[in-house]
Amino acid sequence: MTDSSLKAAITESMKTAMRNKDKDRLAVIRLIQADIKRIEVDERIELDDARVLAVLDKMVKQRRDSITQFSNAGRMDLADKESYEVSVIQAFLPSPLTDAEIAKLVDDAITESGASGMQDMGKVMGLIKPKAQGRADMGAISGIIKQRLS
């Protein structure tokens, strides 16, 4: 049973939080592990680093949506809790891409795929997604691609 280095880092971080009696951080790390374990059990597979990144990315996106909804409803206590969870989850994600790096990724993918119009957007996204997963908002990248291809 091989363990991905990202899963190992999450487990190690959980142990550290337990030793430091950091209950809030420990709760978020346990949420991460539960999500990963749920997918592993449901699909009967061992997640690799790329798939763990996708899980973490999805968790961050869900929490950002929740922050927006809680803020609009005036529930800043819940929005702050979600913000804290985002900060803990992001600690396991690679450093975010800069705007220049995103632009270069999009340009390279368009060139590599030979995309000439909107019908080629799937090809371009397919090339970018593995490189940008967990490091950039895929919705924003999608918008940039649409802008360049139209």
N, C-alpha and C. Protein backbone atom coordinates (compact mmCIF):
# COMPACT_ATOMS: atom_id res chain seq x y z
N MET A 1 0.84 -1.18 0.00
CA MET A 1 0.00 0.00 0.00
C MET A 1 0.88 1.24 0.00
N THR A 2 0.96 1.91 -1.13
CA THR A 2 1.81 3.09 -1.23
C THR A 2 1.04 4.32 -0.78
N ASP A 3 1.72 5.18 -0.05
CA ASP A 3 1.13 6.40 0.45
C ASP A 3 1.68 7.58 -0.34
N SER A 4 0.82 8.47 -0.80
CA SER A 4 1.30 9.63 -1.52
C SER A 4 1.98 10.56 -0.52
N SER A 5 2.92 11.36 -1.01
CA SER A 5 3.64 12.25 -0.11
C SER A 5 2.72 13.32 0.46
N LEU A 6 1.71 13.71 -0.29
CA LEU A 6 0.77 14.71 0.20
C LEU A 6 -0.09 14.13 1.33
N LYS A 7 -0.54 12.89 1.16
CA LYS A 7 -1.31 12.25 2.23
C LYS A 7 -0.44 12.07 3.47
N ALA A 8 0.82 11.75 3.26
CA ALA A 8 1.74 11.59 4.40
C ALA A 8 1.93 12.92 5.13
N ALA A 9 2.02 14.01 4.36
CA ALA A 9 2.18 15.34 4.96
C ALA A 9 0.93 15.71 5.77
N ILE A 10 -0.24 15.35 5.25
CA ILE A 10 -1.49 15.64 5.96
C ILE A 10 -1.53 14.85 7.27
N THR A 11 -1.15 13.58 7.21
CA THR A 11 -1.13 12.74 8.41
C THR A 11 -0.15 13.29 9.44
N GLU A 12 1.02 13.69 8.97
CA GLU A 12 2.04 14.24 9.86
C GLU A 12 1.55 15.54 10.50
N SER A 13 0.86 16.36 9.73
CA SER A 13 0.31 17.61 10.23
C SER A 13 -0.76 17.33 11.29
N MET A 14 -1.53 16.26 11.09
CA MET A 14 -2.54 15.88 12.07
C MET A 14 -1.88 15.50 13.39
N LYS A 15 -0.81 14.74 13.31
CA LYS A 15 -0.09 14.34 14.53
C LYS A 15 0.46 15.55 15.27
N THR A 16 1.00 16.51 14.51
CA THR A 16 1.54 17.72 15.11
C THR A 16 0.43 18.52 15.79
N ALA A 17 -0.73 18.63 15.14
CA ALA A 17 -1.85 19.36 15.72
C ALA A 17 -2.33 18.67 17.00
N MET A 18 -2.29 17.34 17.00
CA MET A 18 -2.69 16.59 18.21
C MET A 18 -1.71 16.87 19.36
N ARG A 19 -0.42 16.84 19.04
CA ARG A 19 0.60 17.09 20.06
C ARG A 19 0.48 18.51 20.63
N ASN A 20 0.17 19.46 19.75
CA ASN A 20 0.08 20.87 20.16
C ASN A 20 -1.29 21.22 20.73
N LYS A 21 -2.18 20.25 20.77
CA LYS A 21 -3.55 20.44 21.26
C LYS A 21 -4.26 21.58 20.54
N ASP A 22 -4.02 21.65 19.22
CA ASP A 22 -4.65 22.67 18.36
C ASP A 22 -5.93 22.06 17.80
N LYS A 23 -7.02 22.18 18.57
CA LYS A 23 -8.27 21.50 18.24
C LYS A 23 -8.88 21.99 16.93
N ASP A 24 -8.81 23.29 16.67
CA ASP A 24 -9.42 23.83 15.45
C ASP A 24 -8.71 23.28 14.21
N ARG A 25 -7.39 23.34 14.22
CA ARG A 25 -6.62 22.84 13.08
C ARG A 25 -6.82 21.33 12.91
N LEU A 26 -6.84 20.62 14.02
CA LEU A 26 -7.04 19.17 13.99
C LEU A 26 -8.39 18.81 13.36
N ALA A 27 -9.42 19.58 13.69
CA ALA A 27 -10.75 19.31 13.13
C ALA A 27 -10.75 19.46 11.61
N VAL A 28 -10.07 20.49 11.11
CA VAL A 28 -10.02 20.72 9.65
C VAL A 28 -9.23 19.61 8.97
N ILE A 29 -8.11 19.21 9.57
CA ILE A 29 -7.29 18.14 8.98
C ILE A 29 -8.07 16.83 8.96
N ARG A 30 -8.85 16.59 10.00
CA ARG A 30 -9.67 15.38 10.00
C ARG A 30 -10.75 15.43 8.92
N LEU A 31 -11.27 16.62 8.64
CA LEU A 31 -12.23 16.77 7.53
C LEU A 31 -11.56 16.41 6.21
N ILE A 32 -10.32 16.86 6.03
CA ILE A 32 -9.57 16.57 4.80
C ILE A 32 -9.39 15.06 4.67
N GLN A 33 -8.94 14.44 5.76
CA GLN A 33 -8.70 13.00 5.72
C GLN A 33 -9.99 12.21 5.48
N ALA A 34 -11.08 12.67 6.04
CA ALA A 34 -12.36 11.98 5.85
C ALA A 34 -12.80 12.05 4.39
N ASP A 35 -12.60 13.22 3.77
CA ASP A 35 -12.96 13.37 2.36
C ASP A 35 -12.12 12.44 1.48
N ILE A 36 -10.82 12.39 1.76
CA ILE A 36 -9.92 11.52 0.99
C ILE A 36 -10.32 10.06 1.19
N LYS A 37 -10.54 9.68 2.43
CA LYS A 37 -10.89 8.29 2.75
C LYS A 37 -12.22 7.90 2.11
N ARG A 38 -13.19 8.82 2.10
CA ARG A 38 -14.50 8.55 1.49
C ARG A 38 -14.33 8.19 0.01
N ILE A 39 -13.51 8.96 -0.69
CA ILE A 39 -13.29 8.70 -2.11
C ILE A 39 -12.58 7.37 -2.30
N GLU A 40 -11.57 7.11 -1.46
CA GLU A 40 -10.83 5.84 -1.57
C GLU A 40 -11.75 4.64 -1.36
N VAL A 41 -12.64 4.74 -0.39
CA VAL A 41 -13.55 3.63 -0.10
C VAL A 41 -14.58 3.49 -1.21
N ASP A 42 -15.16 4.62 -1.62
CA ASP A 42 -16.19 4.58 -2.67
C ASP A 42 -15.66 4.01 -3.97
N GLU A 43 -14.46 4.42 -4.36
CA GLU A 43 -13.91 4.00 -5.65
C GLU A 43 -12.94 2.82 -5.54
N ARG A 44 -12.67 2.39 -4.32
CA ARG A 44 -11.76 1.26 -4.06
C ARG A 44 -10.39 1.47 -4.72
N ILE A 45 -9.84 2.66 -4.51
CA ILE A 45 -8.52 2.99 -5.04
C ILE A 45 -7.71 3.71 -3.98
N GLU A 46 -6.43 3.81 -4.22
CA GLU A 46 -5.53 4.60 -3.37
C GLU A 46 -5.26 5.90 -4.12
N LEU A 47 -5.59 7.04 -3.51
CA LEU A 47 -5.42 8.32 -4.20
C LEU A 47 -3.95 8.71 -4.30
N ASP A 48 -3.57 9.20 -5.48
CA ASP A 48 -2.22 9.72 -5.66
C ASP A 48 -2.23 11.23 -5.38
N ASP A 49 -1.06 11.86 -5.45
CA ASP A 49 -0.95 13.28 -5.12
C ASP A 49 -1.85 14.15 -6.01
N ALA A 50 -1.94 13.84 -7.29
CA ALA A 50 -2.75 14.64 -8.20
C ALA A 50 -4.22 14.60 -7.78
N ARG A 51 -4.69 13.44 -7.42
CA ARG A 51 -6.10 13.30 -7.02
C ARG A 51 -6.34 13.95 -5.66
N VAL A 52 -5.37 13.85 -4.75
CA VAL A 52 -5.50 14.50 -3.44
C VAL A 52 -5.56 16.02 -3.64
N LEU A 53 -4.74 16.55 -4.56
CA LEU A 53 -4.78 17.97 -4.88
C LEU A 53 -6.17 18.37 -5.38
N ALA A 54 -6.76 17.54 -6.23
CA ALA A 54 -8.10 17.83 -6.75
C ALA A 54 -9.12 17.87 -5.61
N VAL A 55 -8.99 16.96 -4.65
CA VAL A 55 -9.90 16.94 -3.49
C VAL A 55 -9.73 18.22 -2.68
N LEU A 56 -8.48 18.60 -2.41
CA LEU A 56 -8.22 19.80 -1.63
C LEU A 56 -8.74 21.04 -2.36
N ASP A 57 -8.53 21.08 -3.67
CA ASP A 57 -8.98 22.20 -4.49
C ASP A 57 -10.51 22.33 -4.40
N LYS A 58 -11.20 21.20 -4.46
CA LYS A 58 -12.65 21.20 -4.38
C LYS A 58 -13.11 21.68 -3.00
N MET A 59 -12.42 21.25 -1.96
CA MET A 59 -12.77 21.67 -0.61
C MET A 59 -12.63 23.18 -0.45
N VAL A 60 -11.55 23.74 -1.00
CA VAL A 60 -11.34 25.19 -0.92
C VAL A 60 -12.47 25.91 -1.67
N LYS A 61 -12.80 25.42 -2.84
CA LYS A 61 -13.86 26.05 -3.65
C LYS A 61 -15.19 26.02 -2.90
N GLN A 62 -15.53 24.90 -2.29
CA GLN A 62 -16.78 24.79 -1.53
C GLN A 62 -16.80 25.79 -0.38
N ARG A 63 -15.68 25.93 0.31
CA ARG A 63 -15.62 26.84 1.44
C ARG A 63 -15.69 28.30 0.99
N ARG A 64 -15.10 28.62 -0.14
CA ARG A 64 -15.20 29.99 -0.65
C ARG A 64 -16.64 30.33 -1.01
N ASP A 65 -17.35 29.37 -1.59
CA ASP A 65 -18.77 29.58 -1.88
C ASP A 65 -19.54 29.80 -0.58
N SER A 66 -19.23 29.02 0.44
CA SER A 66 -19.90 29.16 1.74
C SER A 66 -19.61 30.52 2.36
N ILE A 67 -18.37 30.97 2.25
CA ILE A 67 -17.99 32.29 2.80
C ILE A 67 -18.85 33.38 2.18
N THR A 68 -19.01 33.31 0.86
CA THR A 68 -19.83 34.30 0.16
C THR A 68 -21.27 34.26 0.67
N GLN A 69 -21.82 33.07 0.78
CA GLN A 69 -23.20 32.94 1.24
C GLN A 69 -23.37 33.40 2.68
N PHE A 70 -22.44 33.02 3.56
CA PHE A 70 -22.53 33.43 4.96
C PHE A 70 -22.37 34.94 5.10
N SER A 71 -21.46 35.53 4.32
CA SER A 71 -21.26 36.98 4.37
C SER A 71 -22.52 37.71 3.92
N ASN A 72 -23.14 37.23 2.85
CA ASN A 72 -24.37 37.85 2.35
C ASN A 72 -25.51 37.74 3.36
N ALA A 73 -25.49 36.68 4.15
CA ALA A 73 -26.53 36.46 5.15
C ALA A 73 -26.20 37.16 6.48
N GLY A 74 -25.03 37.80 6.55
CA GLY A 74 -24.65 38.50 7.77
C GLY A 74 -24.13 37.59 8.87
N ARG A 75 -23.75 36.38 8.54
CA ARG A 75 -23.23 35.43 9.53
C ARG A 75 -21.70 35.43 9.48
N MET A 76 -21.10 36.49 9.96
CA MET A 76 -19.64 36.62 9.90
C MET A 76 -18.93 35.58 10.77
N ASP A 77 -19.59 35.09 11.82
CA ASP A 77 -18.98 34.06 12.65
C ASP A 77 -18.74 32.79 11.83
N LEU A 78 -19.72 32.42 11.02
CA LEU A 78 -19.57 31.22 10.19
C LEU A 78 -18.61 31.48 9.03
N ALA A 79 -18.64 32.70 8.48
CA ALA A 79 -17.72 33.05 7.39
C ALA A 79 -16.27 33.00 7.88
N ASP A 80 -16.04 33.48 9.10
CA ASP A 80 -14.68 33.44 9.67
C ASP A 80 -14.21 32.00 9.88
N LYS A 81 -15.12 31.13 10.32
CA LYS A 81 -14.78 29.72 10.52
C LYS A 81 -14.38 29.08 9.18
N GLU A 82 -15.15 29.37 8.13
CA GLU A 82 -14.84 28.84 6.80
C GLU A 82 -13.51 29.40 6.29
N SER A 83 -13.25 30.67 6.57
CA SER A 83 -11.98 31.29 6.15
C SER A 83 -10.80 30.59 6.81
N TYR A 84 -10.96 30.26 8.09
CA TYR A 84 -9.91 29.54 8.79
C TYR A 84 -9.68 28.18 8.15
N GLU A 85 -10.76 27.49 7.80
CA GLU A 85 -10.64 26.17 7.15
C GLU A 85 -9.92 26.30 5.82
N VAL A 86 -10.23 27.35 5.05
CA VAL A 86 -9.55 27.58 3.77
C VAL A 86 -8.05 27.76 4.00
N SER A 87 -7.68 28.52 5.02
CA SER A 87 -6.25 28.76 5.27
C SER A 87 -5.52 27.46 5.64
N VAL A 88 -6.18 26.59 6.41
CA VAL A 88 -5.55 25.31 6.78
C VAL A 88 -5.42 24.41 5.54
N ILE A 89 -6.47 24.33 4.73
CA ILE A 89 -6.44 23.48 3.53
C ILE A 89 -5.38 23.99 2.56
N GLN A 90 -5.31 25.31 2.38
CA GLN A 90 -4.35 25.88 1.43
C GLN A 90 -2.90 25.61 1.83
N ALA A 91 -2.66 25.33 3.09
CA ALA A 91 -1.30 25.02 3.53
C ALA A 91 -0.78 23.76 2.85
N PHE A 92 -1.69 22.89 2.40
CA PHE A 92 -1.28 21.65 1.74
C PHE A 92 -1.22 21.78 0.22
N LEU A 93 -1.71 22.90 -0.30
CA LEU A 93 -1.69 23.13 -1.75
C LEU A 93 -0.37 23.78 -2.15
N PRO A 94 0.08 23.54 -3.39
CA PRO A 94 1.30 24.21 -3.85
C PRO A 94 1.05 25.71 -3.97
N SER A 95 2.14 26.48 -4.07
CA SER A 95 2.00 27.93 -4.15
C SER A 95 1.17 28.31 -5.38
N PRO A 96 0.31 29.34 -5.23
CA PRO A 96 -0.55 29.73 -6.35
C PRO A 96 0.25 30.29 -7.53
N LEU A 97 -0.31 30.12 -8.72
CA LEU A 97 0.32 30.65 -9.92
C LEU A 97 0.09 32.16 -10.01
N THR A 98 1.05 32.87 -10.53
CA THR A 98 0.89 34.31 -10.75
C THR A 98 0.10 34.51 -12.04
N ASP A 99 -0.38 35.73 -12.25
CA ASP A 99 -1.13 36.02 -13.48
C ASP A 99 -0.27 35.78 -14.72
N ALA A 100 1.01 36.13 -14.63
CA ALA A 100 1.92 35.93 -15.76
C ALA A 100 2.11 34.44 -16.06
N GLU A 101 2.23 33.62 -15.00
CA GLU A 101 2.38 32.18 -15.19
C GLU A 101 1.12 31.57 -15.80
N ILE A 102 -0.04 32.05 -15.37
CA ILE A 102 -1.30 31.56 -15.93
C ILE A 102 -1.39 31.92 -17.41
N ALA A 103 -1.05 33.16 -17.73
CA ALA A 103 -1.09 33.61 -19.13
C ALA A 103 -0.16 32.76 -19.99
N LYS A 104 1.03 32.46 -19.48
CA LYS A 104 1.99 31.65 -20.23
C LYS A 104 1.46 30.22 -20.41
N LEU A 105 0.88 29.66 -19.35
CA LEU A 105 0.28 28.32 -19.45
C LEU A 105 -0.80 28.27 -20.52
N VAL A 106 -1.67 29.28 -20.54
CA VAL A 106 -2.76 29.33 -21.52
C VAL A 106 -2.18 29.46 -22.92
N ASP A 107 -1.22 30.37 -23.10
CA ASP A 107 -0.61 30.56 -24.43
C ASP A 107 0.06 29.28 -24.91
N ASP A 108 0.81 28.63 -24.03
CA ASP A 108 1.51 27.39 -24.39
C ASP A 108 0.51 26.29 -24.76
N ALA A 109 -0.57 26.18 -24.00
CA ALA A 109 -1.56 25.14 -24.25
C ALA A 109 -2.29 25.38 -25.57
N ILE A 110 -2.58 26.65 -25.88
CA ILE A 110 -3.24 26.97 -27.14
C ILE A 110 -2.32 26.62 -28.31
N THR A 111 -1.04 26.97 -28.18
CA THR A 111 -0.07 26.66 -29.23
C THR A 111 0.09 25.15 -29.38
N GLU A 112 0.26 24.45 -28.26
CA GLU A 112 0.50 23.00 -28.28
C GLU A 112 -0.69 22.24 -28.87
N SER A 113 -1.90 22.68 -28.55
CA SER A 113 -3.08 21.96 -29.04
C SER A 113 -3.50 22.40 -30.44
N GLY A 114 -2.95 23.52 -30.89
CA GLY A 114 -3.32 24.03 -32.21
C GLY A 114 -4.75 24.56 -32.21
N ALA A 115 -5.21 25.03 -31.06
CA ALA A 115 -6.59 25.51 -30.93
C ALA A 115 -6.79 26.75 -31.79
N SER A 116 -7.95 26.77 -32.48
CA SER A 116 -8.23 27.91 -33.35
C SER A 116 -9.56 28.57 -33.00
N GLY A 117 -10.37 27.95 -32.17
CA GLY A 117 -11.65 28.53 -31.83
C GLY A 117 -12.23 27.91 -30.58
N MET A 118 -13.44 28.32 -30.25
CA MET A 118 -14.08 27.85 -29.02
C MET A 118 -14.30 26.34 -29.00
N GLN A 119 -14.41 25.71 -30.17
CA GLN A 119 -14.62 24.26 -30.21
C GLN A 119 -13.40 23.50 -29.68
N ASP A 120 -12.26 24.17 -29.59
CA ASP A 120 -11.03 23.52 -29.10
C ASP A 120 -10.77 23.80 -27.61
N MET A 121 -11.72 24.43 -26.94
CA MET A 121 -11.52 24.80 -25.54
C MET A 121 -11.24 23.58 -24.66
N GLY A 122 -11.92 22.47 -24.91
CA GLY A 122 -11.72 21.25 -24.12
C GLY A 122 -10.29 20.74 -24.21
N LYS A 123 -9.72 20.81 -25.40
CA LYS A 123 -8.32 20.37 -25.59
C LYS A 123 -7.38 21.23 -24.75
N VAL A 124 -7.60 22.55 -24.80
CA VAL A 124 -6.74 23.49 -24.08
C VAL A 124 -6.87 23.26 -22.57
N MET A 125 -8.11 23.13 -22.08
CA MET A 125 -8.33 22.90 -20.64
C MET A 125 -7.69 21.57 -20.21
N GLY A 126 -7.76 20.57 -21.08
CA GLY A 126 -7.17 19.27 -20.78
C GLY A 126 -5.67 19.35 -20.58
N LEU A 127 -5.02 20.24 -21.32
CA LEU A 127 -3.57 20.42 -21.17
C LEU A 127 -3.22 21.24 -19.93
N ILE A 128 -4.06 22.19 -19.59
CA ILE A 128 -3.76 23.10 -18.48
C ILE A 128 -4.09 22.49 -17.13
N LYS A 129 -5.19 21.76 -17.05
CA LYS A 129 -5.69 21.29 -15.76
C LYS A 129 -4.64 20.55 -14.91
N PRO A 130 -3.88 19.59 -15.46
CA PRO A 130 -2.90 18.90 -14.60
C PRO A 130 -1.81 19.84 -14.07
N LYS A 131 -1.50 20.88 -14.82
CA LYS A 131 -0.44 21.80 -14.41
C LYS A 131 -0.92 22.85 -13.41
N ALA A 132 -2.21 23.18 -13.46
CA ALA A 132 -2.73 24.26 -12.64
C ALA A 132 -3.60 23.79 -11.47
N GLN A 133 -3.90 22.51 -11.40
CA GLN A 133 -4.79 21.99 -10.36
C GLN A 133 -4.27 22.36 -8.98
N GLY A 134 -5.10 23.00 -8.20
CA GLY A 134 -4.72 23.38 -6.84
C GLY A 134 -3.87 24.63 -6.76
N ARG A 135 -3.49 25.16 -7.91
CA ARG A 135 -2.62 26.33 -7.91
C ARG A 135 -3.29 27.57 -8.48
N ALA A 136 -4.48 27.37 -9.09
CA ALA A 136 -5.21 28.49 -9.67
C ALA A 136 -6.68 28.14 -9.77
N ASP A 137 -7.51 29.16 -9.83
CA ASP A 137 -8.95 28.97 -9.99
C ASP A 137 -9.23 28.57 -11.43
N MET A 138 -9.72 27.34 -11.61
CA MET A 138 -9.95 26.83 -12.96
C MET A 138 -11.03 27.63 -13.69
N GLY A 139 -11.97 28.22 -12.95
CA GLY A 139 -12.99 29.07 -13.55
C GLY A 139 -12.39 30.31 -14.18
N ALA A 140 -11.42 30.90 -13.48
CA ALA A 140 -10.74 32.09 -14.01
C ALA A 140 -9.92 31.73 -15.24
N ILE A 141 -9.26 30.58 -15.20
CA ILE A 141 -8.47 30.13 -16.35
C ILE A 141 -9.40 29.89 -17.54
N SER A 142 -10.55 29.31 -17.29
CA SER A 142 -11.52 29.07 -18.34
C SER A 142 -11.93 30.38 -19.01
N GLY A 143 -12.13 31.41 -18.20
CA GLY A 143 -12.48 32.73 -18.74
C GLY A 143 -11.38 33.30 -19.62
N ILE A 144 -10.12 33.12 -19.20
CA ILE A 144 -8.97 33.60 -19.99
C ILE A 144 -8.91 32.86 -21.33
N ILE A 145 -9.13 31.54 -21.28
CA ILE A 145 -9.09 30.74 -22.51
C ILE A 145 -10.19 31.21 -23.47
N LYS A 146 -11.40 31.42 -22.95
CA LYS A 146 -12.51 31.88 -23.79
C LYS A 146 -12.15 33.20 -24.46
N GLN A 147 -11.54 34.07 -23.67
CA GLN A 147 -11.17 35.40 -24.17
C GLN A 147 -10.14 35.26 -25.32
N ARG A 148 -9.18 34.39 -25.14
CA ARG A 148 -8.12 34.22 -26.15
C ARG A 148 -8.62 33.51 -27.41
N LEU A 149 -9.57 32.58 -27.24
CA LEU A 149 -10.02 31.80 -28.40
C LEU A 149 -11.13 32.49 -29.19
N SER A 150 -11.75 33.52 -28.61
CA SER A 150 -12.84 34.18 -29.36
C SER A 150 -12.36 35.38 -30.14
